[in-house]
Amino acid sequence: NNELGGEVITNERVICRMAYLQM
């Protein structure tokens, strides 16, 4: 569960970073 949660958080952080770069 901890690993899955970490992956989900990482994915969200990556998406946020990509959106920030696009802006």
PDB file of N, CA and C in Angstrom:
ATOM      1  N   ASN A   1       0.839  -1.203   0.000  1.00  0.00           N
ATOM      2  CA  ASN A   1       0.000   0.000   0.000  1.00  0.00           C
ATOM      3  C   ASN A   1       0.874   1.253   0.000  1.00  0.00           C
ATOM      4  N   ASN A   2       1.900   1.265   0.824  1.00  0.00           N
ATOM      5  CA  ASN A   2       2.761   2.452   0.890  1.00  0.00           C
ATOM      6  C   ASN A   2       3.393   2.719  -0.479  1.00  0.00           C
ATOM      7  N   GLU A   3       3.867   1.647  -1.141  1.00  0.00           N
ATOM      8  CA  GLU A   3       4.500   1.845  -2.447  1.00  0.00           C
ATOM      9  C   GLU A   3       3.491   2.401  -3.445  1.00  0.00           C
ATOM     10  N   LEU A   4       2.276   1.833  -3.458  1.00  0.00           N
ATOM     11  CA  LEU A   4       1.254   2.317  -4.390  1.00  0.00           C
ATOM     12  C   LEU A   4       0.952   3.782  -4.099  1.00  0.00           C
ATOM     13  N   GLY A   5       0.803   4.125  -2.823  1.00  0.00           N
ATOM     14  CA  GLY A   5       0.507   5.520  -2.470  1.00  0.00           C
ATOM     15  C   GLY A   5       1.626   6.423  -2.956  1.00  0.00           C
ATOM     16  N   GLY A   6       2.876   5.993  -2.780  1.00  0.00           N
ATOM     17  CA  GLY A   6       4.009   6.816  -3.223  1.00  0.00           C
ATOM     18  C   GLY A   6       3.952   7.015  -4.731  1.00  0.00           C
ATOM     19  N   GLU A   7       3.613   5.943  -5.466  1.00  0.00           N
ATOM     20  CA  GLU A   7       3.540   6.076  -6.924  1.00  0.00           C
ATOM     21  C   GLU A   7       2.461   7.070  -7.308  1.00  0.00           C
ATOM     22  N   VAL A   8       1.307   6.986  -6.649  1.00  0.00           N
ATOM     23  CA  VAL A   8       0.200   7.896  -6.979  1.00  0.00           C
ATOM     24  C   VAL A   8       0.636   9.331  -6.713  1.00  0.00           C
ATOM     25  N   ILE A   9       1.260   9.566  -5.554  1.00  0.00           N
ATOM     26  CA  ILE A   9       1.699  10.932  -5.217  1.00  0.00           C
ATOM     27  C   ILE A   9       2.719  11.398  -6.257  1.00  0.00           C
ATOM     28  N   THR A  10       3.629  10.505  -6.644  1.00  0.00           N
ATOM     29  CA  THR A  10       4.646  10.883  -7.631  1.00  0.00           C
ATOM     30  C   THR A  10       3.972  11.261  -8.946  1.00  0.00           C
ATOM     31  N   ASN A  11       2.996  10.442  -9.383  1.00  0.00           N
ATOM     32  CA  ASN A  11       2.305  10.732 -10.644  1.00  0.00           C
ATOM     33  C   ASN A  11       1.644  12.100 -10.575  1.00  0.00           C
ATOM     34  N   GLU A  12       0.949  12.387  -9.475  1.00  0.00           N
ATOM     35  CA  GLU A  12       0.273  13.685  -9.358  1.00  0.00           C
ATOM     36  C   GLU A  12       1.310  14.800  -9.395  1.00  0.00           C
ATOM     37  N   ARG A  13       2.436  14.610  -8.704  1.00  0.00           N
ATOM     38  CA  ARG A  13       3.469  15.659  -8.667  1.00  0.00           C
ATOM     39  C   ARG A  13       4.028  15.871 -10.069  1.00  0.00           C
ATOM     40  N   VAL A  14       4.248  14.778 -10.807  1.00  0.00           N
ATOM     41  CA  VAL A  14       4.767  14.897 -12.183  1.00  0.00           C
ATOM     42  C   VAL A  14       3.769  15.664 -13.040  1.00  0.00           C
ATOM     43  N   ILE A  15       2.482  15.326 -12.920  1.00  0.00           N
ATOM     44  CA  ILE A  15       1.450  16.013 -13.712  1.00  0.00           C
ATOM     45  C   ILE A  15       1.459  17.503 -13.377  1.00  0.00           C
ATOM     46  N   CYS A  16       1.543  17.824 -12.082  1.00  0.00           N
ATOM     47  CA  CYS A  16       1.559  19.240 -11.678  1.00  0.00           C
ATOM     48  C   CYS A  16       2.772  19.927 -12.290  1.00  0.00           C
ATOM     49  N   ARG A  17       3.922  19.253 -12.273  1.00  0.00           N
ATOM     50  CA  ARG A  17       5.140  19.867 -12.827  1.00  0.00           C
ATOM     51  C   ARG A  17       4.971  20.093 -14.321  1.00  0.00           C
ATOM     52  N   MET A  18       4.406  19.108 -15.038  1.00  0.00           N
ATOM     53  CA  MET A  18       4.201  19.263 -16.484  1.00  0.00           C
ATOM     54  C   MET A  18       3.272  20.447 -16.751  1.00  0.00           C
ATOM     55  N   ALA A  19       2.191  20.557 -15.987  1.00  0.00           N
ATOM     56  CA  ALA A  19       1.251  21.668 -16.173  1.00  0.00           C
ATOM     57  C   ALA A  19       1.975  22.984 -15.914  1.00  0.00           C
ATOM     58  N   TYR A  20       2.817  23.010 -14.880  1.00  0.00           N
ATOM     59  CA  TYR A  20       3.539  24.247 -14.558  1.00  0.00           C
ATOM     60  C   TYR A  20       4.467  24.623 -15.713  1.00  0.00           C
ATOM     61  N   LEU A  21       5.134  23.636 -16.296  1.00  0.00           N
ATOM     62  CA  LEU A  21       6.043  23.926 -17.411  1.00  0.00           C
ATOM     63  C   LEU A  21       5.244  24.460 -18.599  1.00  0.00           C
ATOM     64  N   GLN A  22       4.063  23.879 -18.858  1.00  0.00           N
ATOM     65  CA  GLN A  22       3.247  24.344 -19.983  1.00  0.00           C
ATOM     66  C   GLN A  22       2.827  25.797 -19.758  1.00  0.00           C
ATOM     67  N   MET A  23       2.475  26.134 -18.512  1.00  0.00           N
ATOM     68  CA  MET A  23       2.057  27.506 -18.227  1.00  0.00           C
ATOM     69  C   MET A  23       3.265  28.431 -18.371  1.00  0.00           C
TER      70      MET A  23
END
